[in-house]
Amino acid sequence: MAKARIGHFVEAQVLEALGVDYIDESEVLTPADENNHISKKNFKIPFVCGARDLGEALRRIGEGSAMIRTKGEAGSGNMWKPLDMQEKFWDK
C-alpha cells in the first residue's frame, strides 16, 4: 500500500504504474486539492480512504473507493478515541 495526496491523480497514476497493491488517498499528506478527491473509477487498483462520518464515507465510495477506514487521533495513545470515533461515525 502506498499513499497519495488527496486530489493528486498523477501521483495515483504513478503508483498504479509501479504496481502497488493499494493506494491510500491519505489525509496525512498535504492535499493537492482539498475540494476534489481523486476520481478512483478510472483506476484498476483499489483505493483506501479515510472518513470522519457516514456522509463522507458514502462520498468516498461514490468516487470509487474500495475500502473505508475511520479517522482517529494518531499518536494520542488514547484507546477510547477510536471507540468514540466509531460512535460519532454511525450516529450521523
N, C-alpha and C. Protein backbone atom coordinates (compact mmCIF):
# COMPACT_ATOMS: atom_id res chain seq x y z
N MET A 1 0.86 -1.17 0.00
CA MET A 1 0.00 0.00 0.00
C MET A 1 0.90 1.23 0.00
N ALA A 2 0.54 2.19 -0.83
CA ALA A 2 1.30 3.43 -0.92
C ALA A 2 0.34 4.60 -0.79
N LYS A 3 0.82 5.70 -0.23
CA LYS A 3 -0.01 6.89 -0.01
C LYS A 3 0.10 7.87 -1.17
N ALA A 4 -1.04 8.46 -1.50
CA ALA A 4 -1.09 9.55 -2.48
C ALA A 4 -1.82 10.71 -1.82
N ARG A 5 -1.45 11.92 -2.21
CA ARG A 5 -2.13 13.09 -1.65
C ARG A 5 -3.56 13.19 -2.15
N ILE A 6 -4.43 13.73 -1.31
CA ILE A 6 -5.82 13.94 -1.70
C ILE A 6 -5.86 14.81 -2.94
N GLY A 7 -6.58 14.35 -3.95
CA GLY A 7 -6.76 15.13 -5.17
C GLY A 7 -5.63 15.06 -6.18
N HIS A 8 -4.57 14.31 -5.90
CA HIS A 8 -3.41 14.27 -6.80
C HIS A 8 -3.45 13.00 -7.65
N PHE A 9 -4.20 13.07 -8.76
CA PHE A 9 -4.40 11.89 -9.59
C PHE A 9 -3.12 11.45 -10.29
N VAL A 10 -2.19 12.36 -10.55
CA VAL A 10 -0.93 11.98 -11.21
C VAL A 10 -0.10 11.09 -10.29
N GLU A 11 -0.07 11.42 -8.99
CA GLU A 11 0.63 10.54 -8.04
C GLU A 11 0.00 9.15 -8.06
N ALA A 12 -1.32 9.10 -8.09
CA ALA A 12 -2.01 7.81 -8.13
C ALA A 12 -1.68 7.04 -9.41
N GLN A 13 -1.58 7.74 -10.53
CA GLN A 13 -1.23 7.08 -11.79
C GLN A 13 0.18 6.50 -11.73
N VAL A 14 1.11 7.24 -11.13
CA VAL A 14 2.49 6.76 -10.99
C VAL A 14 2.52 5.52 -10.09
N LEU A 15 1.79 5.58 -8.96
CA LEU A 15 1.76 4.43 -8.05
C LEU A 15 1.14 3.20 -8.71
N GLU A 16 0.11 3.42 -9.51
CA GLU A 16 -0.51 2.30 -10.23
C GLU A 16 0.49 1.70 -11.22
N ALA A 17 1.22 2.56 -11.93
CA ALA A 17 2.22 2.09 -12.90
C ALA A 17 3.35 1.32 -12.22
N LEU A 18 3.65 1.69 -10.97
CA LEU A 18 4.69 0.99 -10.21
C LEU A 18 4.21 -0.37 -9.71
N GLY A 19 2.91 -0.60 -9.75
CA GLY A 19 2.37 -1.91 -9.39
C GLY A 19 2.08 -2.10 -7.91
N VAL A 20 1.79 -1.02 -7.18
CA VAL A 20 1.44 -1.19 -5.77
C VAL A 20 0.10 -1.92 -5.66
N ASP A 21 -0.14 -2.55 -4.51
CA ASP A 21 -1.36 -3.33 -4.31
C ASP A 21 -2.58 -2.47 -4.02
N TYR A 22 -2.41 -1.40 -3.23
CA TYR A 22 -3.48 -0.47 -2.87
C TYR A 22 -2.94 0.93 -2.87
N ILE A 23 -3.80 1.91 -3.09
CA ILE A 23 -3.43 3.31 -2.94
C ILE A 23 -4.27 3.89 -1.81
N ASP A 24 -3.59 4.52 -0.87
CA ASP A 24 -4.25 5.18 0.25
C ASP A 24 -4.29 6.67 -0.06
N GLU A 25 -5.48 7.18 -0.38
CA GLU A 25 -5.62 8.63 -0.59
C GLU A 25 -5.63 9.24 0.80
N SER A 26 -4.48 9.72 1.21
CA SER A 26 -4.21 10.00 2.62
C SER A 26 -4.37 11.46 3.02
N GLU A 27 -5.10 11.65 4.12
CA GLU A 27 -5.24 12.98 4.70
C GLU A 27 -4.02 13.37 5.52
N VAL A 28 -3.09 12.43 5.73
CA VAL A 28 -1.87 12.70 6.48
C VAL A 28 -0.93 13.58 5.65
N LEU A 29 -0.92 13.37 4.35
CA LEU A 29 -0.08 14.16 3.45
C LEU A 29 -0.78 15.47 3.09
N THR A 30 -0.01 16.47 2.71
CA THR A 30 -0.58 17.75 2.31
C THR A 30 -1.44 17.57 1.06
N PRO A 31 -2.73 17.96 1.13
CA PRO A 31 -3.62 17.76 -0.03
C PRO A 31 -3.19 18.58 -1.24
N ALA A 32 -3.32 17.98 -2.42
CA ALA A 32 -3.09 18.72 -3.66
C ALA A 32 -4.32 19.55 -4.00
N ASP A 33 -5.49 19.03 -3.65
CA ASP A 33 -6.76 19.71 -3.91
C ASP A 33 -7.73 19.32 -2.80
N GLU A 34 -7.98 20.23 -1.87
CA GLU A 34 -8.82 19.92 -0.71
C GLU A 34 -10.28 19.71 -1.08
N ASN A 35 -10.73 20.28 -2.19
CA ASN A 35 -12.14 20.19 -2.56
C ASN A 35 -12.48 18.99 -3.43
N ASN A 36 -11.51 18.49 -4.17
CA ASN A 36 -11.77 17.39 -5.10
C ASN A 36 -10.83 16.22 -4.82
N HIS A 37 -11.41 15.09 -4.47
CA HIS A 37 -10.62 13.89 -4.27
C HIS A 37 -10.38 13.23 -5.63
N ILE A 38 -9.48 12.26 -5.65
CA ILE A 38 -9.16 11.54 -6.89
C ILE A 38 -10.40 10.76 -7.35
N SER A 39 -10.70 10.84 -8.64
CA SER A 39 -11.76 10.01 -9.21
C SER A 39 -11.19 8.62 -9.41
N LYS A 40 -11.57 7.73 -8.53
CA LYS A 40 -10.95 6.41 -8.47
C LYS A 40 -11.49 5.42 -9.51
N LYS A 41 -12.56 5.77 -10.17
CA LYS A 41 -13.20 4.85 -11.12
C LYS A 41 -12.34 4.60 -12.36
N ASN A 42 -11.39 5.48 -12.64
CA ASN A 42 -10.53 5.33 -13.82
C ASN A 42 -9.32 4.44 -13.55
N PHE A 43 -9.20 3.92 -12.33
CA PHE A 43 -8.05 3.11 -11.95
C PHE A 43 -8.46 1.65 -11.81
N LYS A 44 -7.51 0.76 -12.07
CA LYS A 44 -7.76 -0.67 -11.88
C LYS A 44 -7.38 -1.11 -10.48
N ILE A 45 -6.57 -0.33 -9.80
CA ILE A 45 -6.08 -0.66 -8.47
C ILE A 45 -7.06 -0.14 -7.41
N PRO A 46 -7.28 -0.88 -6.32
CA PRO A 46 -8.22 -0.41 -5.29
C PRO A 46 -7.65 0.73 -4.44
N PHE A 47 -8.54 1.60 -4.00
CA PHE A 47 -8.19 2.73 -3.15
C PHE A 47 -8.74 2.52 -1.74
N VAL A 48 -8.00 3.03 -0.77
CA VAL A 48 -8.42 3.09 0.63
C VAL A 48 -8.51 4.57 0.99
N CYS A 49 -9.61 4.97 1.63
CA CYS A 49 -9.79 6.37 2.02
C CYS A 49 -10.28 6.46 3.46
N GLY A 50 -9.97 7.56 4.11
CA GLY A 50 -10.46 7.80 5.46
C GLY A 50 -11.76 8.58 5.43
N ALA A 51 -12.55 8.42 6.50
CA ALA A 51 -13.81 9.15 6.61
C ALA A 51 -14.09 9.46 8.08
N ARG A 52 -14.63 10.65 8.34
CA ARG A 52 -14.99 11.06 9.70
C ARG A 52 -16.43 10.74 10.05
N ASP A 53 -17.27 10.58 9.03
CA ASP A 53 -18.68 10.28 9.29
C ASP A 53 -19.25 9.50 8.10
N LEU A 54 -20.48 9.07 8.25
CA LEU A 54 -21.09 8.23 7.23
C LEU A 54 -21.24 8.96 5.90
N GLY A 55 -21.57 10.24 5.94
CA GLY A 55 -21.70 11.02 4.71
C GLY A 55 -20.41 11.08 3.93
N GLU A 56 -19.31 11.31 4.64
CA GLU A 56 -18.00 11.36 3.98
C GLU A 56 -17.64 9.98 3.42
N ALA A 57 -17.96 8.92 4.17
CA ALA A 57 -17.69 7.56 3.69
C ALA A 57 -18.46 7.28 2.40
N LEU A 58 -19.71 7.70 2.36
CA LEU A 58 -20.52 7.48 1.16
C LEU A 58 -20.00 8.28 -0.03
N ARG A 59 -19.47 9.49 0.22
CA ARG A 59 -18.87 10.27 -0.87
C ARG A 59 -17.64 9.56 -1.43
N ARG A 60 -16.78 9.03 -0.54
CA ARG A 60 -15.59 8.32 -0.99
C ARG A 60 -15.96 7.06 -1.77
N ILE A 61 -17.00 6.35 -1.32
CA ILE A 61 -17.46 5.17 -2.04
C ILE A 61 -17.99 5.58 -3.41
N GLY A 62 -18.72 6.68 -3.46
CA GLY A 62 -19.23 7.19 -4.73
C GLY A 62 -18.12 7.56 -5.71
N GLU A 63 -16.96 7.95 -5.18
CA GLU A 63 -15.80 8.27 -6.02
C GLU A 63 -15.08 7.01 -6.48
N GLY A 64 -15.42 5.85 -5.88
CA GLY A 64 -14.81 4.60 -6.30
C GLY A 64 -13.90 3.94 -5.28
N SER A 65 -13.91 4.41 -4.05
CA SER A 65 -13.07 3.80 -3.02
C SER A 65 -13.52 2.38 -2.73
N ALA A 66 -12.55 1.46 -2.59
CA ALA A 66 -12.85 0.05 -2.32
C ALA A 66 -12.93 -0.23 -0.83
N MET A 67 -12.27 0.59 -0.01
CA MET A 67 -12.22 0.36 1.42
C MET A 67 -12.23 1.70 2.15
N ILE A 68 -12.93 1.76 3.29
CA ILE A 68 -13.00 2.97 4.10
C ILE A 68 -12.41 2.67 5.47
N ARG A 69 -11.60 3.60 5.97
CA ARG A 69 -11.13 3.49 7.35
C ARG A 69 -11.58 4.73 8.10
N THR A 70 -11.92 4.55 9.35
CA THR A 70 -12.32 5.71 10.15
C THR A 70 -11.07 6.42 10.61
N LYS A 71 -11.17 7.72 10.74
CA LYS A 71 -10.03 8.52 11.15
C LYS A 71 -9.99 8.59 12.66
N GLY A 72 -8.83 8.45 13.23
CA GLY A 72 -8.62 8.60 14.67
C GLY A 72 -7.55 9.63 14.93
N GLU A 73 -7.23 9.79 16.18
CA GLU A 73 -6.16 10.71 16.57
C GLU A 73 -4.86 9.92 16.64
N ALA A 74 -4.07 9.95 15.60
CA ALA A 74 -2.82 9.19 15.56
C ALA A 74 -1.87 9.68 16.64
N GLY A 75 -1.27 8.72 17.35
CA GLY A 75 -0.27 9.06 18.35
C GLY A 75 -0.81 9.60 19.65
N SER A 76 -2.13 9.61 19.82
CA SER A 76 -2.69 10.17 21.05
C SER A 76 -2.52 9.20 22.22
N GLY A 77 -2.43 7.90 21.94
CA GLY A 77 -2.31 6.91 23.00
C GLY A 77 -3.62 6.66 23.72
N ASN A 78 -4.66 7.36 23.34
CA ASN A 78 -5.96 7.22 23.98
C ASN A 78 -6.71 6.07 23.31
N MET A 79 -6.87 4.98 24.04
CA MET A 79 -7.52 3.79 23.47
C MET A 79 -9.02 3.96 23.29
N TRP A 80 -9.63 4.94 23.94
CA TRP A 80 -11.07 5.17 23.82
C TRP A 80 -11.40 6.04 22.61
N LYS A 81 -10.41 6.76 22.09
CA LYS A 81 -10.64 7.64 20.95
C LYS A 81 -11.25 6.90 19.76
N PRO A 82 -10.70 5.74 19.37
CA PRO A 82 -11.30 5.03 18.23
C PRO A 82 -12.75 4.61 18.47
N LEU A 83 -13.08 4.23 19.70
CA LEU A 83 -14.45 3.84 20.00
C LEU A 83 -15.38 5.04 19.93
N ASP A 84 -14.93 6.18 20.46
CA ASP A 84 -15.73 7.41 20.35
C ASP A 84 -15.92 7.78 18.88
N MET A 85 -14.87 7.60 18.10
CA MET A 85 -14.93 7.93 16.68
C MET A 85 -15.97 7.05 15.97
N GLN A 86 -15.98 5.76 16.30
CA GLN A 86 -16.96 4.85 15.69
C GLN A 86 -18.39 5.26 16.03
N GLU A 87 -18.61 5.64 17.29
CA GLU A 87 -19.95 6.07 17.70
C GLU A 87 -20.39 7.31 16.94
N LYS A 88 -19.49 8.29 16.83
CA LYS A 88 -19.81 9.52 16.09
C LYS A 88 -20.06 9.20 14.61
N PHE A 89 -19.25 8.29 14.07
CA PHE A 89 -19.36 7.90 12.66
C PHE A 89 -20.77 7.39 12.35
N TRP A 90 -21.27 6.48 13.16
CA TRP A 90 -22.56 5.85 12.89
C TRP A 90 -23.75 6.67 13.37
N ASP A 91 -23.52 7.61 14.29
CA ASP A 91 -24.62 8.45 14.78
C ASP A 91 -25.07 9.47 13.76
N LYS A 92 -24.18 9.89 12.85
CA LYS A 92 -24.54 10.92 11.87
C LYS A 92 -25.32 10.35 10.79
